[in-house]
Amino acid sequence: MKALKRTAIILALGLAAGGCSVIETKSVAREDLKNAQGHVVGYKDMMRDSRTGEELAQIALFVPRIGERGEIVGYEERVRGGAVLRDLNGKRIGGSWHDLRSGKGLVIVVRGKQSDRVAMAEAPSIDDLIHLARLAN
């Protein structure tokens, strides 16, 4: 009876470990997602499973950063421990790091020459995002 119990435990652990396998993917294409104003609001990353050849699409959307006058001045891509700051064209312009223990953080922004044009934008709707990602049938 003890041997049967030990065999069952080993079999259960083996099945549990087999279910935790990681999919090995390779990025094959990356496409910027733009809204109606021409701002880069995210990207679509096409990946391929190296073993099966199955293609996967991963979509990342950016969070708008609002300026003092209520206009969108850039976007931030949330990453572990902070965010990557991007301008309206999707170019990296800085980063922010957050300390979860103290609730404090650090923001570093490197800006080039300011353009004369100030863009006013609004957040896209779900239908717009589906259309941008080309997921509609």
Protein backbone atom coordinates (compact mmCIF):
# COMPACT_ATOMS: atom_id res chain seq x y z
CA MET A 1 0.00 0.00 0.00
CA LYS A 2 2.88 2.36 0.82
CA ALA A 3 4.50 1.72 -2.59
CA LEU A 4 1.20 2.47 -4.37
CA LYS A 5 0.89 5.77 -2.49
CA ARG A 6 4.48 6.73 -3.34
CA THR A 7 3.91 5.88 -7.03
CA ALA A 8 0.74 8.00 -7.11
CA ILE A 9 2.54 10.98 -5.57
CA ILE A 10 5.45 10.70 -8.03
CA LEU A 11 3.00 10.43 -10.95
CA ALA A 12 1.05 13.50 -9.74
CA LEU A 13 4.24 15.55 -9.35
CA GLY A 14 5.40 14.48 -12.82
CA LEU A 15 2.11 15.59 -14.39
CA ALA A 16 2.19 18.89 -12.51
CA ALA A 17 5.74 19.60 -13.68
CA GLY A 18 4.84 18.70 -17.27
CA GLY A 19 1.95 21.18 -17.23
CA CYS A 20 4.30 24.05 -16.38
CA SER A 21 6.23 23.94 -19.64
CA VAL A 22 7.19 27.23 -21.27
CA ILE A 23 6.41 28.09 -24.89
CA GLU A 24 9.56 29.17 -26.71
CA THR A 25 8.62 31.94 -29.12
CA LYS A 26 10.60 34.05 -31.55
CA SER A 27 9.47 37.52 -32.60
CA VAL A 28 8.94 37.68 -36.38
CA ALA A 29 7.31 41.12 -36.83
CA ARG A 30 6.43 44.24 -34.88
CA GLU A 31 3.88 46.79 -36.04
CA ASP A 32 3.07 50.17 -34.46
CA LEU A 33 -0.60 50.86 -33.69
CA LYS A 34 -1.66 54.45 -34.43
CA ASN A 35 -4.85 56.30 -33.56
CA ALA A 36 -6.77 58.77 -35.76
CA GLN A 37 -4.43 61.64 -34.80
CA GLY A 38 -1.39 59.63 -35.91
CA HIS A 39 -0.07 59.00 -32.39
CA VAL A 40 1.57 55.65 -31.71
CA VAL A 41 -0.69 54.18 -28.98
CA GLY A 42 0.82 50.68 -28.84
CA TYR A 43 2.28 47.89 -30.89
CA LYS A 44 1.42 44.42 -32.17
CA ASP A 45 4.15 41.81 -31.87
CA MET A 46 3.84 38.70 -34.06
CA MET A 47 5.63 35.68 -32.60
CA ARG A 48 6.14 32.11 -33.81
CA ASP A 49 6.43 28.99 -31.64
CA SER A 50 9.74 27.39 -32.56
CA ARG A 51 8.48 23.82 -32.06
CA THR A 52 5.01 23.88 -33.68
CA GLY A 53 5.26 26.86 -36.03
CA GLU A 54 2.08 28.34 -34.52
CA GLU A 55 1.84 32.14 -34.83
CA LEU A 56 0.79 34.29 -31.88
CA ALA A 57 -0.11 37.98 -31.72
CA GLN A 58 0.63 40.00 -28.59
CA ILE A 59 -0.78 43.52 -28.35
CA ALA A 60 0.60 46.14 -25.96
CA LEU A 61 -1.24 49.43 -25.51
CA PHE A 62 0.32 52.54 -24.01
CA VAL A 63 -1.21 54.72 -21.28
CA PRO A 64 -1.57 58.40 -22.27
CA ARG A 65 0.31 61.02 -20.21
CA ILE A 66 -1.69 64.21 -19.82
CA GLY A 67 0.03 67.60 -19.65
CA GLU A 68 -0.78 70.56 -17.41
CA ARG A 69 -3.25 72.02 -19.94
CA GLY A 70 -5.11 68.71 -20.44
CA GLU A 71 -3.44 67.72 -23.72
CA ILE A 72 -1.76 64.38 -24.36
CA VAL A 73 1.99 64.98 -24.27
CA GLY A 74 3.16 61.39 -24.59
CA TYR A 75 2.49 57.78 -23.68
CA GLU A 76 3.94 55.32 -21.22
CA GLU A 77 4.48 51.62 -21.74
CA ARG A 78 4.08 49.82 -18.43
CA VAL A 79 6.94 47.43 -17.63
CA ARG A 80 7.99 45.64 -14.46
CA GLY A 81 9.11 48.16 -11.86
CA GLY A 82 8.07 51.26 -13.79
CA ALA A 83 7.32 52.49 -17.29
CA VAL A 84 9.03 53.48 -20.54
CA LEU A 85 8.04 57.02 -21.58
CA ARG A 86 7.38 57.63 -25.28
CA ASP A 87 6.60 60.70 -27.34
CA LEU A 88 3.61 60.95 -29.70
CA ASN A 89 5.59 59.20 -32.46
CA GLY A 90 6.44 56.19 -30.27
CA LYS A 91 10.09 57.16 -29.74
CA ARG A 92 11.54 56.42 -26.29
CA ILE A 93 12.14 59.66 -24.42
CA GLY A 94 12.61 58.46 -20.86
CA GLY A 95 11.61 56.13 -18.12
CA SER A 96 10.09 56.00 -14.67
CA TRP A 97 10.90 53.64 -11.84
CA HIS A 98 8.69 52.97 -8.82
CA ASP A 99 9.72 51.70 -5.41
CA LEU A 100 6.82 49.65 -4.08
CA ARG A 101 8.12 49.66 -0.51
CA SER A 102 8.25 53.41 -0.01
CA GLY A 103 5.74 54.49 -2.66
CA LYS A 104 8.34 56.85 -4.15
CA GLY A 105 9.77 56.84 -7.62
CA LEU A 106 12.04 58.51 -10.13
CA VAL A 107 11.13 59.89 -13.56
CA ILE A 108 13.80 60.73 -16.14
CA VAL A 109 12.69 62.44 -19.36
CA VAL A 110 15.07 63.46 -22.16
CA ARG A 111 13.27 65.76 -24.57
CA GLY A 112 14.56 67.20 -27.81
CA LYS A 113 13.50 70.50 -29.35
CA GLN A 114 9.85 71.28 -28.73
CA SER A 115 7.77 71.38 -31.87
CA ASP A 116 5.45 74.32 -32.56
CA ARG A 117 2.47 72.04 -32.95
CA VAL A 118 0.69 70.91 -29.78
CA ALA A 119 -1.47 67.89 -30.42
CA MET A 120 -4.87 67.48 -28.81
CA ALA A 121 -6.12 63.92 -28.67
CA GLU A 122 -8.64 61.71 -26.94
CA ALA A 123 -8.43 58.11 -25.84
CA PRO A 124 -9.46 55.64 -28.58
CA SER A 125 -12.59 53.52 -28.19
CA ILE A 126 -12.55 49.73 -28.05
CA ASP A 127 -13.86 49.55 -31.63
CA ASP A 128 -11.00 51.79 -32.79
CA LEU A 129 -8.45 49.56 -31.02
CA ILE A 130 -9.92 46.41 -32.61
CA HIS A 131 -9.73 48.11 -36.01
CA LEU A 132 -6.14 49.27 -35.37
CA ALA A 133 -5.06 45.76 -34.40
CA ARG A 134 -6.80 44.36 -37.50
CA LEU A 135 -8.67 41.81 -35.39
CA ALA A 136 -12.10 42.48 -36.91
CA ASN A 137 -13.44 39.84 -39.29
